[in-house]
Amino acid sequence: MVKCESCGAELSEGAKFCSKCGSPVGVKEEFTVRSEDLVAKIKELLHESDVSRIIVKDESGKTLLEIPVWAGIVGTILAPWLAALGAIAALATKCTITVIRQKS
């Protein structure tokens, strides 16, 4: 049986969301990027249709920012997230981006 990565609850087969905490169930991918490439990589990921959540961590693995992604995200909603990413990029030398993609 597959377990939710957020809360550890058992997931029913084919579930797209955890029935206990509501976290999306999907495939995880990780990228390590230099801080100056962080905003560009996030913008690139936001244009991909199967991305449901983006998590940015620093070199020590501390979560700095978690961005929920949904269809139809627009610039005015995205602007505060990108401003925060710019601040993070100024503080960190390398970041790890964890991307959770929806299962098809």
PDB file of N, CA and C in Angstrom:
ATOM      1  N   MET A   1       0.848  -1.178   0.000  1.00  0.00           N
ATOM      2  CA  MET A   1       0.000   0.000   0.000  1.00  0.00           C
ATOM      3  C   MET A   1       0.894   1.242   0.000  1.00  0.00           C
ATOM      4  N   VAL A   2       0.538   2.230  -0.782  1.00  0.00           N
ATOM      5  CA  VAL A   2       1.280   3.479  -0.894  1.00  0.00           C
ATOM      6  C   VAL A   2       0.855   4.414   0.239  1.00  0.00           C
ATOM      7  N   LYS A   3       1.844   5.159   0.783  1.00  0.00           N
ATOM      8  CA  LYS A   3       1.552   6.093   1.874  1.00  0.00           C
ATOM      9  C   LYS A   3       1.775   7.524   1.412  1.00  0.00           C
ATOM     10  N   CYS A   4       1.008   8.432   2.014  1.00  0.00           N
ATOM     11  CA  CYS A   4       1.136   9.864   1.748  1.00  0.00           C
ATOM     12  C   CYS A   4       2.492  10.334   2.274  1.00  0.00           C
ATOM     13  N   GLU A   5       3.208  11.098   1.455  1.00  0.00           N
ATOM     14  CA  GLU A   5       4.510  11.610   1.882  1.00  0.00           C
ATOM     15  C   GLU A   5       4.383  12.736   2.892  1.00  0.00           C
ATOM     16  N   SER A   6       3.235  13.381   2.966  1.00  0.00           N
ATOM     17  CA  SER A   6       3.045  14.484   3.905  1.00  0.00           C
ATOM     18  C   SER A   6       2.664  14.016   5.302  1.00  0.00           C
ATOM     19  N   CYS A   7       1.675  13.090   5.385  1.00  0.00           N
ATOM     20  CA  CYS A   7       1.170  12.708   6.704  1.00  0.00           C
ATOM     21  C   CYS A   7       1.332  11.222   7.033  1.00  0.00           C
ATOM     22  N   GLY A   8       1.677  10.404   6.044  1.00  0.00           N
ATOM     23  CA  GLY A   8       1.885   8.978   6.298  1.00  0.00           C
ATOM     24  C   GLY A   8       0.643   8.117   6.213  1.00  0.00           C
ATOM     25  N   ALA A   9      -0.502   8.707   5.889  1.00  0.00           N
ATOM     26  CA  ALA A   9      -1.746   7.936   5.780  1.00  0.00           C
ATOM     27  C   ALA A   9      -1.675   6.998   4.575  1.00  0.00           C
ATOM     28  N   GLU A  10      -2.349   5.868   4.687  1.00  0.00           N
ATOM     29  CA  GLU A  10      -2.402   4.941   3.563  1.00  0.00           C
ATOM     30  C   GLU A  10      -3.325   5.496   2.496  1.00  0.00           C
ATOM     31  N   LEU A  11      -2.902   5.373   1.247  1.00  0.00           N
ATOM     32  CA  LEU A  11      -3.654   5.913   0.124  1.00  0.00           C
ATOM     33  C   LEU A  11      -4.349   4.799  -0.646  1.00  0.00           C
ATOM     34  N   SER A  12      -5.546   5.080  -1.083  1.00  0.00           N
ATOM     35  CA  SER A  12      -6.238   4.087  -1.911  1.00  0.00           C
ATOM     36  C   SER A  12      -5.620   4.109  -3.306  1.00  0.00           C
ATOM     37  N   GLU A  13      -5.717   3.014  -4.015  1.00  0.00           N
ATOM     38  CA  GLU A  13      -5.123   2.902  -5.340  1.00  0.00           C
ATOM     39  C   GLU A  13      -5.751   3.913  -6.300  1.00  0.00           C
ATOM     40  N   GLY A  14      -4.906   4.613  -7.032  1.00  0.00           N
ATOM     41  CA  GLY A  14      -5.379   5.594  -7.999  1.00  0.00           C
ATOM     42  C   GLY A  14      -5.716   6.955  -7.415  1.00  0.00           C
ATOM     43  N   ALA A  15      -5.505   7.133  -6.108  1.00  0.00           N
ATOM     44  CA  ALA A  15      -5.826   8.415  -5.466  1.00  0.00           C
ATOM     45  C   ALA A  15      -4.942   9.529  -6.015  1.00  0.00           C
ATOM     46  N   LYS A  16      -5.543  10.685  -6.232  1.00  0.00           N
ATOM     47  CA  LYS A  16      -4.789  11.857  -6.680  1.00  0.00           C
ATOM     48  C   LYS A  16      -4.493  12.792  -5.521  1.00  0.00           C
ATOM     49  N   PHE A  17      -5.273  12.654  -4.419  1.00  0.00           N
ATOM     50  CA  PHE A  17      -5.075  13.454  -3.217  1.00  0.00           C
ATOM     51  C   PHE A  17      -5.205  12.560  -1.994  1.00  0.00           C
ATOM     52  N   CYS A  18      -4.506  12.893  -0.924  1.00  0.00           N
ATOM     53  CA  CYS A  18      -4.608  12.157   0.334  1.00  0.00           C
ATOM     54  C   CYS A  18      -5.969  12.453   0.964  1.00  0.00           C
ATOM     55  N   SER A  19      -6.656  11.412   1.397  1.00  0.00           N
ATOM     56  CA  SER A  19      -7.980  11.604   2.005  1.00  0.00           C
ATOM     57  C   SER A  19      -7.874  12.182   3.416  1.00  0.00           C
ATOM     58  N   LYS A  20      -6.709  12.106   4.029  1.00  0.00           N
ATOM     59  CA  LYS A  20      -6.542  12.627   5.388  1.00  0.00           C
ATOM     60  C   LYS A  20      -6.085  14.096   5.404  1.00  0.00           C
ATOM     61  N   CYS A  21      -5.028  14.419   4.623  1.00  0.00           N
ATOM     62  CA  CYS A  21      -4.480  15.785   4.693  1.00  0.00           C
ATOM     63  C   CYS A  21      -4.711  16.606   3.425  1.00  0.00           C
ATOM     64  N   GLY A  22      -5.138  15.957   2.351  1.00  0.00           N
ATOM     65  CA  GLY A  22      -5.429  16.677   1.117  1.00  0.00           C
ATOM     66  C   GLY A  22      -4.234  16.939   0.223  1.00  0.00           C
ATOM     67  N   SER A  23      -3.059  16.456   0.613  1.00  0.00           N
ATOM     68  CA  SER A  23      -1.867  16.668  -0.213  1.00  0.00           C
ATOM     69  C   SER A  23      -1.990  15.927  -1.530  1.00  0.00           C
ATOM     70  N   PRO A  24      -1.487  16.532  -2.606  1.00  0.00           N
ATOM     71  CA  PRO A  24      -1.534  15.847  -3.894  1.00  0.00           C
ATOM     72  C   PRO A  24      -0.588  14.652  -3.892  1.00  0.00           C
ATOM     73  N   VAL A  25      -1.021  13.593  -4.540  1.00  0.00           N
ATOM     74  CA  VAL A  25      -0.213  12.394  -4.672  1.00  0.00           C
ATOM     75  C   VAL A  25       0.410  12.462  -6.054  1.00  0.00           C
ATOM     76  N   GLY A  26       1.685  12.297  -6.138  1.00  0.00           N
ATOM     77  CA  GLY A  26       2.303  12.390  -7.452  1.00  0.00           C
ATOM     78  C   GLY A  26       3.721  11.891  -7.472  1.00  0.00           C
ATOM     79  N   VAL A  27       4.366  12.159  -8.571  1.00  0.00           N
ATOM     80  CA  VAL A  27       5.738  11.757  -8.797  1.00  0.00           C
ATOM     81  C   VAL A  27       6.633  12.915  -8.385  1.00  0.00           C
ATOM     82  N   LYS A  28       7.689  12.596  -7.631  1.00  0.00           N
ATOM     83  CA  LYS A  28       8.604  13.612  -7.131  1.00  0.00           C
ATOM     84  C   LYS A  28       9.851  13.676  -7.998  1.00  0.00           C
ATOM     85  N   GLU A  29      10.299  14.889  -8.281  1.00  0.00           N
ATOM     86  CA  GLU A  29      11.531  15.130  -9.017  1.00  0.00           C
ATOM     87  C   GLU A  29      12.318  16.179  -8.254  1.00  0.00           C
ATOM     88  N   GLU A  30      13.642  16.080  -8.276  1.00  0.00           N
ATOM     89  CA  GLU A  30      14.447  17.101  -7.603  1.00  0.00           C
ATOM     90  C   GLU A  30      15.491  17.657  -8.556  1.00  0.00           C
ATOM     91  N   PHE A  31      15.703  18.958  -8.458  1.00  0.00           N
ATOM     92  CA  PHE A  31      16.712  19.654  -9.242  1.00  0.00           C
ATOM     93  C   PHE A  31      17.565  20.473  -8.283  1.00  0.00           C
ATOM     94  N   THR A  32      18.862  20.515  -8.519  1.00  0.00           N
ATOM     95  CA  THR A  32      19.731  21.416  -7.769  1.00  0.00           C
ATOM     96  C   THR A  32      20.141  22.521  -8.723  1.00  0.00           C
ATOM     97  N   VAL A  33      19.914  23.761  -8.322  1.00  0.00           N
ATOM     98  CA  VAL A  33      20.226  24.902  -9.172  1.00  0.00           C
ATOM     99  C   VAL A  33      21.022  25.936  -8.393  1.00  0.00           C
ATOM    100  N   ARG A  34      21.787  26.709  -9.123  1.00  0.00           N
ATOM    101  CA  ARG A  34      22.485  27.840  -8.509  1.00  0.00           C
ATOM    102  C   ARG A  34      21.449  28.906  -8.202  1.00  0.00           C
ATOM    103  N   SER A  35      21.697  29.697  -7.205  1.00  0.00           N
ATOM    104  CA  SER A  35      20.710  30.694  -6.779  1.00  0.00           C
ATOM    105  C   SER A  35      20.345  31.667  -7.895  1.00  0.00           C
ATOM    106  N   GLU A  36      21.298  32.012  -8.740  1.00  0.00           N
ATOM    107  CA  GLU A  36      20.987  32.959  -9.817  1.00  0.00           C
ATOM    108  C   GLU A  36      20.083  32.357 -10.899  1.00  0.00           C
ATOM    109  N   ASP A  37      19.964  31.022 -10.923  1.00  0.00           N
ATOM    110  CA  ASP A  37      19.091  30.343 -11.891  1.00  0.00           C
ATOM    111  C   ASP A  37      17.742  29.947 -11.291  1.00  0.00           C
ATOM    112  N   LEU A  38      17.543  30.228 -10.008  1.00  0.00           N
ATOM    113  CA  LEU A  38      16.356  29.764  -9.294  1.00  0.00           C
ATOM    114  C   LEU A  38      15.054  30.291  -9.897  1.00  0.00           C
ATOM    115  N   VAL A  39      14.933  31.590 -10.069  1.00  0.00           N
ATOM    116  CA  VAL A  39      13.687  32.174 -10.566  1.00  0.00           C
ATOM    117  C   VAL A  39      13.381  31.677 -11.977  1.00  0.00           C
ATOM    118  N   ALA A  40      14.390  31.592 -12.830  1.00  0.00           N
ATOM    119  CA  ALA A  40      14.175  31.126 -14.207  1.00  0.00           C
ATOM    120  C   ALA A  40      13.680  29.682 -14.222  1.00  0.00           C
ATOM    121  N   LYS A  41      14.239  28.830 -13.371  1.00  0.00           N
ATOM    122  CA  LYS A  41      13.819  27.422 -13.328  1.00  0.00           C
ATOM    123  C   LYS A  41      12.385  27.308 -12.810  1.00  0.00           C
ATOM    124  N   ILE A  42      12.030  28.087 -11.806  1.00  0.00           N
ATOM    125  CA  ILE A  42      10.664  28.058 -11.278  1.00  0.00           C
ATOM    126  C   ILE A  42       9.677  28.511 -12.352  1.00  0.00           C
ATOM    127  N   LYS A  43       9.998  29.587 -13.066  1.00  0.00           N
ATOM    128  CA  LYS A  43       9.118  30.057 -14.140  1.00  0.00           C
ATOM    129  C   LYS A  43       8.928  28.971 -15.196  1.00  0.00           C
ATOM    130  N   GLU A  44      10.008  28.277 -15.524  1.00  0.00           N
ATOM    131  CA  GLU A  44       9.938  27.181 -16.500  1.00  0.00           C
ATOM    132  C   GLU A  44       9.005  26.075 -15.999  1.00  0.00           C
ATOM    133  N   LEU A  45       9.136  25.701 -14.737  1.00  0.00           N
ATOM    134  CA  LEU A  45       8.300  24.639 -14.162  1.00  0.00           C
ATOM    135  C   LEU A  45       6.831  25.033 -14.098  1.00  0.00           C
ATOM    136  N   LEU A  46       6.566  26.306 -13.849  1.00  0.00           N
ATOM    137  CA  LEU A  46       5.180  26.770 -13.752  1.00  0.00           C
ATOM    138  C   LEU A  46       4.433  26.653 -15.082  1.00  0.00           C
ATOM    139  N   HIS A  47       5.161  26.589 -16.173  1.00  0.00           N
ATOM    140  CA  HIS A  47       4.531  26.459 -17.483  1.00  0.00           C
ATOM    141  C   HIS A  47       4.230  24.995 -17.843  1.00  0.00           C
ATOM    142  N   GLU A  48       4.683  24.061 -17.022  1.00  0.00           N
ATOM    143  CA  GLU A  48       4.414  22.653 -17.286  1.00  0.00           C
ATOM    144  C   GLU A  48       3.075  22.279 -16.666  1.00  0.00           C
ATOM    145  N   SER A  49       2.251  21.604 -17.410  1.00  0.00           N
ATOM    146  CA  SER A  49       0.857  21.373 -17.001  1.00  0.00           C
ATOM    147  C   SER A  49       0.678  20.354 -15.884  1.00  0.00           C
ATOM    148  N   ASP A  50       1.642  19.473 -15.645  1.00  0.00           N
ATOM    149  CA  ASP A  50       1.434  18.422 -14.651  1.00  0.00           C
ATOM    150  C   ASP A  50       2.045  18.716 -13.284  1.00  0.00           C
ATOM    151  N   VAL A  51       2.584  19.911 -13.077  1.00  0.00           N
ATOM    152  CA  VAL A  51       3.195  20.280 -11.796  1.00  0.00           C
ATOM    153  C   VAL A  51       2.103  20.719 -10.821  1.00  0.00           C
ATOM    154  N   SER A  52       2.092  20.129  -9.617  1.00  0.00           N
ATOM    155  CA  SER A  52       1.081  20.500  -8.627  1.00  0.00           C
ATOM    156  C   SER A  52       1.665  21.223  -7.412  1.00  0.00           C
ATOM    157  N   ARG A  53       2.953  21.047  -7.150  1.00  0.00           N
ATOM    158  CA  ARG A  53       3.567  21.706  -5.998  1.00  0.00           C
ATOM    159  C   ARG A  53       5.061  21.843  -6.262  1.00  0.00           C
ATOM    160  N   ILE A  54       5.619  22.983  -5.846  1.00  0.00           N
ATOM    161  CA  ILE A  54       7.056  23.226  -5.964  1.00  0.00           C
ATOM    162  C   ILE A  54       7.570  23.592  -4.583  1.00  0.00           C
ATOM    163  N   ILE A  55       8.627  22.904  -4.153  1.00  0.00           N
ATOM    164  CA  ILE A  55       9.223  23.147  -2.840  1.00  0.00           C
ATOM    165  C   ILE A  55      10.680  23.546  -3.051  1.00  0.00           C
ATOM    166  N   VAL A  56      11.085  24.673  -2.464  1.00  0.00           N
ATOM    167  CA  VAL A  56      12.457  25.163  -2.583  1.00  0.00           C
ATOM    168  C   VAL A  56      13.137  24.981  -1.237  1.00  0.00           C
ATOM    169  N   LYS A  57      14.305  24.327  -1.258  1.00  0.00           N
ATOM    170  CA  LYS A  57      15.078  24.092  -0.030  1.00  0.00           C
ATOM    171  C   LYS A  57      16.478  24.661  -0.192  1.00  0.00           C
ATOM    172  N   ASP A  58      17.092  25.020   0.942  1.00  0.00           N
ATOM    173  CA  ASP A  58      18.457  25.524   0.897  1.00  0.00           C
ATOM    174  C   ASP A  58      19.450  24.365   0.916  1.00  0.00           C
ATOM    175  N   GLU A  59      20.751  24.700   1.004  1.00  0.00           N
ATOM    176  CA  GLU A  59      21.801  23.682   0.964  1.00  0.00           C
ATOM    177  C   GLU A  59      21.689  22.658   2.093  1.00  0.00           C
ATOM    178  N   SER A  60      21.153  23.076   3.227  1.00  0.00           N
ATOM    179  CA  SER A  60      21.050  22.171   4.378  1.00  0.00           C
ATOM    180  C   SER A  60      19.748  21.365   4.383  1.00  0.00           C
ATOM    181  N   GLY A  61      18.891  21.590   3.391  1.00  0.00           N
ATOM    182  CA  GLY A  61      17.640  20.843   3.300  1.00  0.00           C
ATOM    183  C   GLY A  61      16.457  21.515   3.980  1.00  0.00           C
ATOM    184  N   LYS A  62      16.647  22.719   4.480  1.00  0.00           N
ATOM    185  CA  LYS A  62      15.563  23.463   5.133  1.00  0.00           C
ATOM    186  C   LYS A  62      14.616  24.019   4.066  1.00  0.00           C
ATOM    187  N   THR A  63      13.322  23.798   4.247  1.00  0.00           N
ATOM    188  CA  THR A  63      12.335  24.314   3.301  1.00  0.00           C
ATOM    189  C   THR A  63      12.238  25.819   3.426  1.00  0.00           C
ATOM    190  N   LEU A  64      12.474  26.508   2.315  1.00  0.00           N
ATOM    191  CA  LEU A  64      12.426  27.963   2.290  1.00  0.00           C
ATOM    192  C   LEU A  64      11.104  28.478   1.749  1.00  0.00           C
ATOM    193  N   LEU A  65      10.520  27.747   0.791  1.00  0.00           N
ATOM    194  CA  LEU A  65       9.292  28.196   0.148  1.00  0.00           C
ATOM    195  C   LEU A  65       8.582  26.995  -0.449  1.00  0.00           C
ATOM    196  N   GLU A  66       7.277  26.974  -0.293  1.00  0.00           N
ATOM    197  CA  GLU A  66       6.455  25.922  -0.889  1.00  0.00           C
ATOM    198  C   GLU A  66       5.356  26.601  -1.689  1.00  0.00           C
ATOM    199  N   ILE A  67       5.315  26.294  -2.975  1.00  0.00           N
ATOM    200  CA  ILE A  67       4.372  26.960  -3.882  1.00  0.00           C
ATOM    201  C   ILE A  67       3.348  25.949  -4.383  1.00  0.00           C
ATOM    202  N   PRO A  68       2.077  26.120  -4.042  1.00  0.00           N
ATOM    203  CA  PRO A  68       1.049  25.269  -4.644  1.00  0.00           C
ATOM    204  C   PRO A  68       0.790  25.768  -6.067  1.00  0.00           C
ATOM    205  N   VAL A  69       0.699  24.858  -6.995  1.00  0.00           N
ATOM    206  CA  VAL A  69       0.501  25.247  -8.392  1.00  0.00           C
ATOM    207  C   VAL A  69      -0.833  24.700  -8.859  1.00  0.00           C
ATOM    208  N   TRP A  70      -1.609  25.537  -9.522  1.00  0.00           N
ATOM    209  CA  TRP A  70      -2.888  25.093 -10.057  1.00  0.00           C
ATOM    210  C   TRP A  70      -3.045  25.668 -11.461  1.00  0.00           C
ATOM    211  N   ALA A  71      -3.907  25.054 -12.214  1.00  0.00           N
ATOM    212  CA  ALA A  71      -4.142  25.508 -13.585  1.00  0.00           C
ATOM    213  C   ALA A  71      -4.652  26.935 -13.574  1.00  0.00           C
ATOM    214  N   GLY A  72      -4.190  27.734 -14.493  1.00  0.00           N
ATOM    215  CA  GLY A  72      -4.673  29.108 -14.617  1.00  0.00           C
ATOM    216  C   GLY A  72      -3.957  30.101 -13.730  1.00  0.00           C
ATOM    217  N   ILE A  73      -2.812  29.727 -13.155  1.00  0.00           N
ATOM    218  CA  ILE A  73      -2.067  30.666 -12.317  1.00  0.00           C
ATOM    219  C   ILE A  73      -1.670  31.868 -13.179  1.00  0.00           C
ATOM    220  N   VAL A  74      -1.891  33.060 -12.660  1.00  0.00           N
ATOM    221  CA  VAL A  74      -1.640  34.271 -13.439  1.00  0.00           C
ATOM    222  C   VAL A  74      -0.590  35.144 -12.763  1.00  0.00           C
ATOM    223  N   GLY A  75      -0.070  36.107 -13.519  1.00  0.00           N
ATOM    224  CA  GLY A  75       1.022  36.954 -13.060  1.00  0.00           C
ATOM    225  C   GLY A  75       0.785  37.672 -11.749  1.00  0.00           C
ATOM    226  N   THR A  76      -0.417  38.200 -11.515  1.00  0.00           N
ATOM    227  CA  THR A  76      -0.666  38.951 -10.287  1.00  0.00           C
ATOM    228  C   THR A  76      -0.624  38.046  -9.060  1.00  0.00           C
ATOM    229  N   ILE A  77      -1.040  36.801  -9.230  1.00  0.00           N
ATOM    230  CA  ILE A  77      -0.968  35.841  -8.127  1.00  0.00           C
ATOM    231  C   ILE A  77       0.458  35.355  -7.936  1.00  0.00           C
ATOM    232  N   LEU A  78       1.185  35.242  -9.025  1.00  0.00           N
ATOM    233  CA  LEU A  78       2.538  34.709  -9.014  1.00  0.00           C
ATOM    234  C   LEU A  78       3.575  35.723  -8.534  1.00  0.00           C
ATOM    235  N   ALA A  79       3.316  37.006  -8.688  1.00  0.00           N
ATOM    236  CA  ALA A  79       4.295  38.047  -8.373  1.00  0.00           C
ATOM    237  C   ALA A  79       4.877  37.958  -6.955  1.00  0.00           C
ATOM    238  N   PRO A  80       4.066  37.765  -5.900  1.00  0.00           N
ATOM    239  CA  PRO A  80       4.656  37.665  -4.552  1.00  0.00           C
ATOM    240  C   PRO A  80       5.579  36.458  -4.395  1.00  0.00           C
ATOM    241  N   TRP A  81       5.225  35.349  -5.061  1.00  0.00           N
ATOM    242  CA  TRP A  81       6.076  34.150  -4.971  1.00  0.00           C
ATOM    243  C   TRP A  81       7.426  34.426  -5.622  1.00  0.00           C
ATOM    244  N   LEU A  82       7.424  35.083  -6.769  1.00  0.00           N
ATOM    245  CA  LEU A  82       8.673  35.369  -7.471  1.00  0.00           C
ATOM    246  C   LEU A  82       9.516  36.380  -6.703  1.00  0.00           C
ATOM    247  N   ALA A  83       8.889  37.329  -6.034  1.00  0.00           N
ATOM    248  CA  ALA A  83       9.623  38.286  -5.200  1.00  0.00           C
ATOM    249  C   ALA A  83      10.302  37.548  -4.047  1.00  0.00           C
ATOM    250  N   ALA A  84       9.586  36.609  -3.449  1.00  0.00           N
ATOM    251  CA  ALA A  84      10.169  35.809  -2.364  1.00  0.00           C
ATOM    252  C   ALA A  84      11.334  34.969  -2.882  1.00  0.00           C
ATOM    253  N   LEU A  85      11.193  34.423  -4.072  1.00  0.00           N
ATOM    254  CA  LEU A  85      12.278  33.636  -4.665  1.00  0.00           C
ATOM    255  C   LEU A  85      13.517  34.491  -4.902  1.00  0.00           C
ATOM    256  N   GLY A  86      13.303  35.742  -5.313  1.00  0.00           N
ATOM    257  CA  GLY A  86      14.425  36.648  -5.506  1.00  0.00           C
ATOM    258  C   GLY A  86      15.187  36.881  -4.210  1.00  0.00           C
ATOM    259  N   ALA A  87      14.468  37.024  -3.110  1.00  0.00           N
ATOM    260  CA  ALA A  87      15.095  37.208  -1.803  1.00  0.00           C
ATOM    261  C   ALA A  87      15.849  35.950  -1.378  1.00  0.00           C
ATOM    262  N   ILE A  88      15.251  34.796  -1.641  1.00  0.00           N
ATOM    263  CA  ILE A  88      15.903  33.526  -1.309  1.00  0.00           C
ATOM    264  C   ILE A  88      17.188  33.379  -2.117  1.00  0.00           C
ATOM    265  N   ALA A  89      17.123  33.707  -3.395  1.00  0.00           N
ATOM    266  CA  ALA A  89      18.293  33.592  -4.260  1.00  0.00           C
ATOM    267  C   ALA A  89      19.446  34.463  -3.762  1.00  0.00           C
ATOM    268  N   ALA A  90      19.128  35.587  -3.133  1.00  0.00           N
ATOM    269  CA  ALA A  90      20.169  36.469  -2.609  1.00  0.00           C
ATOM    270  C   ALA A  90      20.853  35.873  -1.375  1.00  0.00           C
ATOM    271  N   LEU A  91      20.165  34.980  -0.664  1.00  0.00           N
ATOM    272  CA  LEU A  91      20.695  34.413   0.579  1.00  0.00           C
ATOM    273  C   LEU A  91      21.397  33.068   0.402  1.00  0.00           C
ATOM    274  N   ALA A  92      20.994  32.291  -0.571  1.00  0.00           N
ATOM    275  CA  ALA A  92      21.523  30.936  -0.738  1.00  0.00           C
ATOM    276  C   ALA A  92      22.447  30.869  -1.946  1.00  0.00           C
ATOM    277  N   THR A  93      23.390  29.922  -1.913  1.00  0.00           N
ATOM    278  CA  THR A  93      24.268  29.741  -3.063  1.00  0.00           C
ATOM    279  C   THR A  93      23.722  28.658  -3.998  1.00  0.00           C
ATOM    280  N   LYS A  94      23.167  27.614  -3.409  1.00  0.00           N
ATOM    281  CA  LYS A  94      22.527  26.548  -4.189  1.00  0.00           C
ATOM    282  C   LYS A  94      21.198  26.216  -3.540  1.00  0.00           C
ATOM    283  N   CYS A  95      20.233  25.870  -4.364  1.00  0.00           N
ATOM    284  CA  CYS A  95      18.922  25.488  -3.860  1.00  0.00           C
ATOM    285  C   CYS A  95      18.512  24.170  -4.497  1.00  0.00           C
ATOM    286  N   THR A  96      17.717  23.417  -3.769  1.00  0.00           N
ATOM    287  CA  THR A  96      17.131  22.207  -4.313  1.00  0.00           C
ATOM    288  C   THR A  96      15.659  22.486  -4.541  1.00  0.00           C
ATOM    289  N   ILE A  97      15.201  22.176  -5.742  1.00  0.00           N
ATOM    290  CA  ILE A  97      13.799  22.357  -6.079  1.00  0.00           C
ATOM    291  C   ILE A  97      13.176  20.964  -6.162  1.00  0.00           C
ATOM    292  N   THR A  98      12.164  20.730  -5.341  1.00  0.00           N
ATOM    293  CA  THR A  98      11.421  19.479  -5.415  1.00  0.00           C
ATOM    294  C   THR A  98      10.115  19.775  -6.133  1.00  0.00           C
ATOM    295  N   VAL A  99       9.866  19.021  -7.190  1.00  0.00           N
ATOM    296  CA  VAL A  99       8.675  19.211  -7.991  1.00  0.00           C
ATOM    297  C   VAL A  99       7.792  17.984  -7.832  1.00  0.00           C
ATOM    298  N   ILE A 100       6.540  18.197  -7.475  1.00  0.00           N
ATOM    299  CA  ILE A 100       5.585  17.105  -7.381  1.00  0.00           C
ATOM    300  C   ILE A 100       4.659  17.222  -8.566  1.00  0.00           C
ATOM    301  N   ARG A 101       4.647  16.171  -9.351  1.00  0.00           N
ATOM    302  CA  ARG A 101       3.829  16.132 -10.567  1.00  0.00           C
ATOM    303  C   ARG A 101       2.637  15.212 -10.346  1.00  0.00           C
ATOM    304  N   GLN A 102       1.505  15.580 -10.919  1.00  0.00           N
ATOM    305  CA  GLN A 102       0.315  14.744 -10.844  1.00  0.00           C
ATOM    306  C   GLN A 102       0.527  13.473 -11.645  1.00  0.00           C
ATOM    307  N   LYS A 103       0.066  12.369 -11.091  1.00  0.00           N
ATOM    308  CA  LYS A 103       0.089  11.116 -11.836  1.00  0.00           C
ATOM    309  C   LYS A 103      -0.979  11.176 -12.910  1.00  0.00           C
ATOM    310  N   SER A 104      -0.680  10.612 -14.042  1.00  0.00           N
ATOM    311  CA  SER A 104      -1.652  10.596 -15.136  1.00  0.00           C
ATOM    312  C   SER A 104      -2.678   9.524 -14.948  1.00  0.00           C
TER     313      SER A 104
END
